[in-house]
Amino acid sequence: MASTAWLSTITINTDSASLRRMRGSLRRDDTVVPFRDSDVIAKYINHVLDSNGAWDGIDAGITVTRAKPVRQPWQKGLQQELQPLLAEFSPKRRRQLNGLACCAFGALILLACFVTFAL
């Protein structure tokens, strides 16, 4: 017996109005509405396919899961370059930090003089 496989492409609008309609449809059919948008889309597609399969009387055994990457970057051997906590600053950044430290020290001395002589 020959079998025929069909390939379909589904384009889904994921704007807020479409997601509200999907959530409303799931609520009307007395199902629990997921919180995340990707779970709502997956559950809506699964629900539509199940209801159409039941209506036509054909059980295709279709399941839809939430989208996720096939392989994580660490599974491919990619690792993030670890930066040391006390990395060397550029000369420009070092001058800026020294200037900030001098200004802060000067402000602290002025505050101490003000508190000592004004009060």
C-alpha atoms as a PDB file:
ATOM      1  CA  MET A   1       0.000   0.000   0.000  1.00  0.00           C
ATOM      2  CA  ALA A   2       1.458   3.331  -1.029  1.00  0.00           C
ATOM      3  CA  SER A   3       1.524   6.227   1.390  1.00  0.00           C
ATOM      4  CA  THR A   4       1.641   9.883   0.556  1.00  0.00           C
ATOM      5  CA  ALA A   5       3.317  12.437   2.784  1.00  0.00           C
ATOM      6  CA  TRP A   6       2.241  16.046   2.636  1.00  0.00           C
ATOM      7  CA  LEU A   7       4.430  18.955   3.593  1.00  0.00           C
ATOM      8  CA  SER A   8       2.692  22.122   4.735  1.00  0.00           C
ATOM      9  CA  THR A   9       4.014  25.478   5.806  1.00  0.00           C
ATOM     10  CA  ILE A  10       2.059  27.360   8.445  1.00  0.00           C
ATOM     11  CA  THR A  11       2.573  31.093   8.815  1.00  0.00           C
ATOM     12  CA  ILE A  12       1.402  32.373  12.185  1.00  0.00           C
ATOM     13  CA  ASN A  13       0.978  36.016  13.078  1.00  0.00           C
ATOM     14  CA  THR A  14       2.337  36.557  16.568  1.00  0.00           C
ATOM     15  CA  ASP A  15       1.165  40.090  17.170  1.00  0.00           C
ATOM     16  CA  SER A  16      -0.706  40.872  20.384  1.00  0.00           C
ATOM     17  CA  ALA A  17      -4.157  40.795  18.731  1.00  0.00           C
ATOM     18  CA  SER A  18      -3.545  37.322  17.265  1.00  0.00           C
ATOM     19  CA  LEU A  19      -2.276  36.008  20.586  1.00  0.00           C
ATOM     20  CA  ARG A  20      -5.362  37.440  22.339  1.00  0.00           C
ATOM     21  CA  ARG A  21      -7.575  35.598  19.846  1.00  0.00           C
ATOM     22  CA  MET A  22      -5.618  32.361  20.414  1.00  0.00           C
ATOM     23  CA  ARG A  23      -5.968  32.722  24.180  1.00  0.00           C
ATOM     24  CA  GLY A  24      -9.689  33.464  23.789  1.00  0.00           C
ATOM     25  CA  SER A  25     -10.170  30.376  21.645  1.00  0.00           C
ATOM     26  CA  LEU A  26      -8.388  28.206  24.214  1.00  0.00           C
ATOM     27  CA  ARG A  27     -10.521  29.688  27.032  1.00  0.00           C
ATOM     28  CA  ARG A  28     -13.739  29.023  25.088  1.00  0.00           C
ATOM     29  CA  ASP A  29     -12.789  25.377  24.709  1.00  0.00           C
ATOM     30  CA  ASP A  30     -12.243  25.009  28.475  1.00  0.00           C
ATOM     31  CA  THR A  31      -8.522  24.363  28.312  1.00  0.00           C
ATOM     32  CA  VAL A  32      -5.876  25.837  30.566  1.00  0.00           C
ATOM     33  CA  VAL A  33      -4.243  28.803  28.848  1.00  0.00           C
ATOM     34  CA  PRO A  34      -0.430  28.853  29.174  1.00  0.00           C
ATOM     35  CA  PHE A  35       1.402  31.979  30.293  1.00  0.00           C
ATOM     36  CA  ARG A  36       4.196  32.151  27.691  1.00  0.00           C
ATOM     37  CA  ASP A  37       3.348  33.192  24.148  1.00  0.00           C
ATOM     38  CA  SER A  38       5.303  30.314  22.582  1.00  0.00           C
ATOM     39  CA  ASP A  39       3.343  27.817  24.701  1.00  0.00           C
ATOM     40  CA  VAL A  40       0.053  29.479  23.705  1.00  0.00           C
ATOM     41  CA  ILE A  41       0.948  29.154  20.012  1.00  0.00           C
ATOM     42  CA  ALA A  42       1.967  25.501  20.398  1.00  0.00           C
ATOM     43  CA  LYS A  43      -1.164  24.624  22.360  1.00  0.00           C
ATOM     44  CA  TYR A  44      -3.389  26.486  19.892  1.00  0.00           C
ATOM     45  CA  ILE A  45      -1.883  24.666  16.892  1.00  0.00           C
ATOM     46  CA  ASN A  46      -2.141  21.341  18.699  1.00  0.00           C
ATOM     47  CA  HIS A  47      -5.772  22.095  19.579  1.00  0.00           C
ATOM     48  CA  VAL A  48      -6.638  23.073  15.994  1.00  0.00           C
ATOM     49  CA  LEU A  49      -5.002  19.939  14.589  1.00  0.00           C
ATOM     50  CA  ASP A  50      -6.720  17.716  17.153  1.00  0.00           C
ATOM     51  CA  SER A  51     -10.132  19.264  16.565  1.00  0.00           C
ATOM     52  CA  ASN A  52      -9.761  18.983  12.775  1.00  0.00           C
ATOM     53  CA  GLY A  53      -8.571  15.396  13.108  1.00  0.00           C
ATOM     54  CA  ALA A  54     -11.599  14.539  15.246  1.00  0.00           C
ATOM     55  CA  TRP A  55     -13.932  16.335  12.853  1.00  0.00           C
ATOM     56  CA  ASP A  56     -12.607  14.471   9.815  1.00  0.00           C
ATOM     57  CA  GLY A  57     -12.338  11.239  11.728  1.00  0.00           C
ATOM     58  CA  ILE A  58      -8.618  10.895  10.937  1.00  0.00           C
ATOM     59  CA  ASP A  59      -6.150  10.502  13.780  1.00  0.00           C
ATOM     60  CA  ALA A  60      -2.767  11.569  12.441  1.00  0.00           C
ATOM     61  CA  GLY A  61      -0.938  11.399  15.767  1.00  0.00           C
ATOM     62  CA  ILE A  62       0.304  14.977  15.555  1.00  0.00           C
ATOM     63  CA  THR A  63       1.899  16.708  18.512  1.00  0.00           C
ATOM     64  CA  VAL A  64       3.249  20.229  18.659  1.00  0.00           C
ATOM     65  CA  THR A  65       5.809  21.301  21.214  1.00  0.00           C
ATOM     66  CA  ARG A  66       7.218  24.666  22.164  1.00  0.00           C
ATOM     67  CA  ALA A  67       9.976  25.875  19.870  1.00  0.00           C
ATOM     68  CA  LYS A  68      13.508  25.342  21.142  1.00  0.00           C
ATOM     69  CA  PRO A  69      16.947  25.183  19.545  1.00  0.00           C
ATOM     70  CA  VAL A  70      18.041  21.802  18.305  1.00  0.00           C
ATOM     71  CA  ARG A  71      21.475  22.021  19.904  1.00  0.00           C
ATOM     72  CA  GLN A  72      22.639  24.400  22.577  1.00  0.00           C
ATOM     73  CA  PRO A  73      25.907  26.310  21.937  1.00  0.00           C
ATOM     74  CA  TRP A  74      27.691  24.419  24.708  1.00  0.00           C
ATOM     75  CA  GLN A  75      26.692  21.127  23.056  1.00  0.00           C
ATOM     76  CA  LYS A  76      28.511  22.250  19.907  1.00  0.00           C
ATOM     77  CA  GLY A  77      31.698  22.833  21.882  1.00  0.00           C
ATOM     78  CA  LEU A  78      31.385  26.613  21.969  1.00  0.00           C
ATOM     79  CA  GLN A  79      32.289  28.267  25.238  1.00  0.00           C
ATOM     80  CA  GLN A  80      32.163  31.863  26.279  1.00  0.00           C
ATOM     81  CA  GLU A  81      35.482  33.573  26.814  1.00  0.00           C
ATOM     82  CA  LEU A  82      35.838  34.102  30.529  1.00  0.00           C
ATOM     83  CA  GLN A  83      36.819  37.650  31.466  1.00  0.00           C
ATOM     84  CA  PRO A  84      38.864  38.092  34.645  1.00  0.00           C
ATOM     85  CA  LEU A  85      37.167  40.145  37.339  1.00  0.00           C
ATOM     86  CA  LEU A  86      40.127  42.506  37.653  1.00  0.00           C
ATOM     87  CA  ALA A  87      40.909  43.020  33.991  1.00  0.00           C
ATOM     88  CA  GLU A  88      43.500  45.601  32.957  1.00  0.00           C
ATOM     89  CA  PHE A  89      42.031  48.993  32.149  1.00  0.00           C
ATOM     90  CA  SER A  90      43.041  50.985  29.116  1.00  0.00           C
ATOM     91  CA  PRO A  91      45.254  54.046  29.817  1.00  0.00           C
ATOM     92  CA  LYS A  92      42.365  56.376  28.987  1.00  0.00           C
ATOM     93  CA  ARG A  93      40.037  54.585  31.434  1.00  0.00           C
ATOM     94  CA  ARG A  94      42.783  54.592  34.094  1.00  0.00           C
ATOM     95  CA  ARG A  95      43.186  58.400  33.753  1.00  0.00           C
ATOM     96  CA  GLN A  96      39.427  58.853  34.020  1.00  0.00           C
ATOM     97  CA  LEU A  97      39.252  56.752  37.174  1.00  0.00           C
ATOM     98  CA  ASN A  98      42.225  58.594  38.718  1.00  0.00           C
ATOM     99  CA  GLY A  99      40.526  61.923  37.967  1.00  0.00           C
ATOM    100  CA  LEU A 100      37.306  60.685  39.558  1.00  0.00           C
ATOM    101  CA  ALA A 101      39.197  59.521  42.648  1.00  0.00           C
ATOM    102  CA  CYS A 102      40.951  62.917  42.980  1.00  0.00           C
ATOM    103  CA  CYS A 103      37.666  64.823  42.621  1.00  0.00           C
ATOM    104  CA  ALA A 104      35.950  62.575  45.163  1.00  0.00           C
ATOM    105  CA  PHE A 105      38.834  63.008  47.631  1.00  0.00           C
ATOM    106  CA  GLY A 106      38.748  66.789  47.146  1.00  0.00           C
ATOM    107  CA  ALA A 107      34.979  66.845  47.744  1.00  0.00           C
ATOM    108  CA  LEU A 108      35.469  64.804  50.907  1.00  0.00           C
ATOM    109  CA  ILE A 109      38.098  67.271  52.201  1.00  0.00           C
ATOM    110  CA  LEU A 110      35.795  70.230  51.433  1.00  0.00           C
ATOM    111  CA  LEU A 111      32.933  68.518  53.258  1.00  0.00           C
ATOM    112  CA  ALA A 112      35.167  67.857  56.268  1.00  0.00           C
ATOM    113  CA  CYS A 113      36.292  71.514  56.332  1.00  0.00           C
ATOM    114  CA  PHE A 114      32.707  72.725  56.019  1.00  0.00           C
ATOM    115  CA  VAL A 115      31.524  70.500  58.863  1.00  0.00           C
ATOM    116  CA  THR A 116      34.492  71.459  61.068  1.00  0.00           C
ATOM    117  CA  PHE A 117      34.403  75.244  60.609  1.00  0.00           C
ATOM    118  CA  ALA A 118      30.725  75.914  59.893  1.00  0.00           C
ATOM    119  CA  LEU A 119      29.290  74.066  62.854  1.00  0.00           C
END
